[in-house]
Protein backbone atom coordinates (compact mmCIF):
# COMPACT_ATOMS: atom_id res chain seq x y z
CA MET A 1 0.00 0.00 0.00
CA ALA A 2 1.09 3.51 -0.67
CA GLY A 3 1.93 5.83 2.17
CA PRO A 4 -0.26 8.75 3.17
CA VAL A 5 -0.78 11.35 0.47
CA LYS A 6 1.07 14.55 1.25
CA ARG A 7 -0.73 17.87 1.26
CA SER A 8 1.67 19.23 -1.35
CA ASP A 9 0.82 16.33 -3.69
CA LYS A 10 -2.90 17.05 -3.32
CA LEU A 11 -2.29 20.72 -4.00
CA LYS A 12 -0.11 19.84 -6.98
CA ARG A 13 -3.04 17.95 -8.54
CA LEU A 14 -5.36 20.88 -7.77
CA VAL A 15 -2.90 23.28 -9.42
CA ALA A 16 -2.87 21.10 -12.54
CA VAL A 17 -6.67 21.08 -12.66
CA GLN A 18 -6.85 24.83 -12.08
CA ARG A 19 -4.28 25.51 -14.81
CA HIS A 20 -6.40 23.37 -17.14
CA LEU A 21 -9.47 25.45 -16.26
CA GLU A 22 -7.43 28.58 -16.95
CA THR A 23 -6.42 27.22 -20.37
CA MET A 24 -10.03 26.38 -21.19
CA ALA A 25 -11.10 29.92 -20.27
CA GLU A 26 -8.31 31.32 -22.46
CA HIS A 27 -9.50 29.20 -25.40
CA GLU A 28 -13.07 30.44 -24.93
CA LEU A 29 -11.79 34.02 -24.89
CA ALA A 30 -9.74 33.42 -28.04
CA ALA A 31 -12.78 31.98 -29.84
CA THR A 32 -14.90 34.96 -28.83
CA THR A 33 -12.19 37.36 -29.97
CA ARG A 34 -11.97 35.62 -33.36
CA TYR A 35 -15.75 35.69 -33.75
CA ARG A 36 -15.84 39.36 -32.80
CA ALA A 37 -13.18 40.10 -35.45
CA GLU A 38 -15.31 38.26 -38.03
CA VAL A 39 -18.35 40.34 -37.07
CA ASN A 40 -16.31 43.54 -37.35
CA GLN A 41 -15.07 42.44 -40.78
CA SER A 42 -18.68 41.79 -41.85
CA MET A 43 -19.67 45.24 -40.57
CA GLU A 44 -16.94 46.84 -42.68
CA GLU A 45 -18.09 44.91 -45.75
CA VAL A 46 -21.70 46.01 -45.20
CA ILE A 47 -20.59 49.63 -44.78
CA ASP A 48 -18.64 49.37 -48.03
CA ALA A 49 -21.73 47.92 -49.76
CA ILE A 50 -23.96 50.68 -48.40
CA GLY A 51 -21.58 53.36 -49.63
CA SER A 52 -21.08 51.70 -52.99
CA MET A 53 -22.23 53.45 -56.16
CA ASN A 54 -22.94 50.11 -57.80
CA PRO A 55 -26.65 49.95 -58.78
CA VAL A 56 -26.95 46.37 -57.48
CA HIS A 57 -25.88 47.47 -54.02
CA ARG A 58 -28.20 50.45 -54.02
CA GLN A 59 -31.18 48.15 -54.57
CA PHE A 60 -30.35 46.28 -51.38
CA SER A 61 -29.59 49.29 -49.18
CA GLN A 62 -32.53 48.52 -46.84
CA HIS A 63 -31.32 44.94 -46.45
CA TYR A 64 -27.78 46.18 -45.78
CA SER A 65 -28.92 48.63 -43.13
CA GLU A 66 -30.91 45.90 -41.35
CA ARG A 67 -27.92 43.58 -41.53
CA PHE A 68 -25.68 46.32 -40.16
CA GLY A 69 -28.09 46.80 -37.23
CA ARG A 70 -28.00 43.07 -36.46
CA LEU A 71 -24.21 43.01 -36.69
CA THR A 72 -23.95 46.03 -34.39
CA THR A 73 -26.14 44.28 -31.83
CA LYS A 74 -24.08 41.10 -32.15
CA GLU A 75 -20.85 43.06 -31.71
CA ARG A 76 -22.14 44.68 -28.50
CA GLN A 77 -23.16 41.29 -27.15
CA LEU A 78 -19.77 39.81 -28.00
CA ALA A 79 -18.01 42.75 -26.34
CA GLY A 80 -19.90 41.97 -23.12
CA VAL A 81 -19.13 38.27 -23.40
CA GLN A 82 -15.47 39.04 -24.06
CA GLN A 83 -15.28 41.24 -20.97
CA ILE A 84 -16.81 38.50 -18.82
CA GLN A 85 -14.41 35.93 -20.26
CA GLU A 86 -11.42 38.18 -19.60
CA MET A 87 -12.49 38.45 -15.97
CA LYS A 88 -12.93 34.65 -15.84
CA VAL A 89 -9.42 34.08 -17.21
CA LEU A 90 -8.01 36.47 -14.61
CA LYS A 91 -9.98 34.77 -11.83
CA GLU A 92 -8.84 31.28 -12.87
CA ARG A 93 -5.23 32.44 -13.16
CA THR A 94 -5.39 34.04 -9.70
CA LYS A 95 -6.81 30.85 -8.20
CA ALA A 96 -4.09 28.74 -9.82
CA ASP A 97 -1.35 31.10 -8.63
CA ARG A 98 -2.72 31.02 -5.09
CA LEU A 99 -2.92 27.21 -5.11
CA GLU A 100 0.63 27.02 -6.45
CA GLU A 101 1.87 29.26 -3.63
CA ASN A 102 0.07 27.08 -1.09
CA MET A 103 1.61 23.97 -2.67
CA LYS A 104 5.11 25.46 -2.41
CA ASP A 105 4.49 26.40 1.22
CA ALA A 106 3.22 22.90 1.99
CA ARG A 107 6.24 21.36 0.28
CA GLY A 108 8.54 23.60 2.32
CA HIS A 109 6.81 22.55 5.55
CA GLU A 110 7.04 18.88 4.56
CA ASP A 111 10.75 19.26 3.75
CA ARG A 112 11.40 20.94 7.11
CA GLU A 113 9.41 18.24 8.90
CA ALA A 114 11.41 15.52 7.11
CA ALA A 115 14.67 17.26 8.05
CA ASP A 116 13.53 17.57 11.68
CA ASP A 117 12.54 13.91 11.75
CA SER A 118 15.92 12.84 10.39
CA ILE A 119 17.68 14.94 13.04
CA TYR A 120 15.50 13.39 15.77
CA GLU A 121 16.32 9.92 14.44
CA LEU A 122 20.02 10.76 14.44
CA ILE A 123 19.77 11.99 18.04
CA ASP A 124 17.86 8.83 19.05
CA ILE A 125 20.52 6.64 17.42
CA THR A 126 23.30 8.59 19.14
CA LEU A 127 21.57 8.29 22.54
CA ALA A 128 20.95 4.57 21.97
CA LEU A 129 24.65 4.03 21.17
CA ASP A 130 25.65 5.94 24.32
CA ARG A 131 23.45 3.63 26.44
CA VAL A 132 24.93 0.53 24.85
CA LYS A 133 28.49 1.58 25.74
């Protein structure tokens, strides 16, 4: 059977999970940013079509203005989503950093405890040898 699981090992696993959550949040943010760029590109194309002197485009000016309104609404929504996702990434990163600090502290305490135990064992061995003599 394995020995007891150390606190630093538990925290190490939690740090790995938290870093994974942070990465997932970053990917979501990247996808939203890409989609927002696509919407902005579409808005520019619609603006160009509205301002075009081509007779075909002038026939569809009402359609273009409606499309531009929908794209504007979509862009505002995506801006809000992006802001929320940025806060989520920051929150997940902060949690992971905090857990990592706690893991390092726990590992330091475990190392000190192991060093203290080895010194106590050395003292016990020395005292036992003195009694034998």
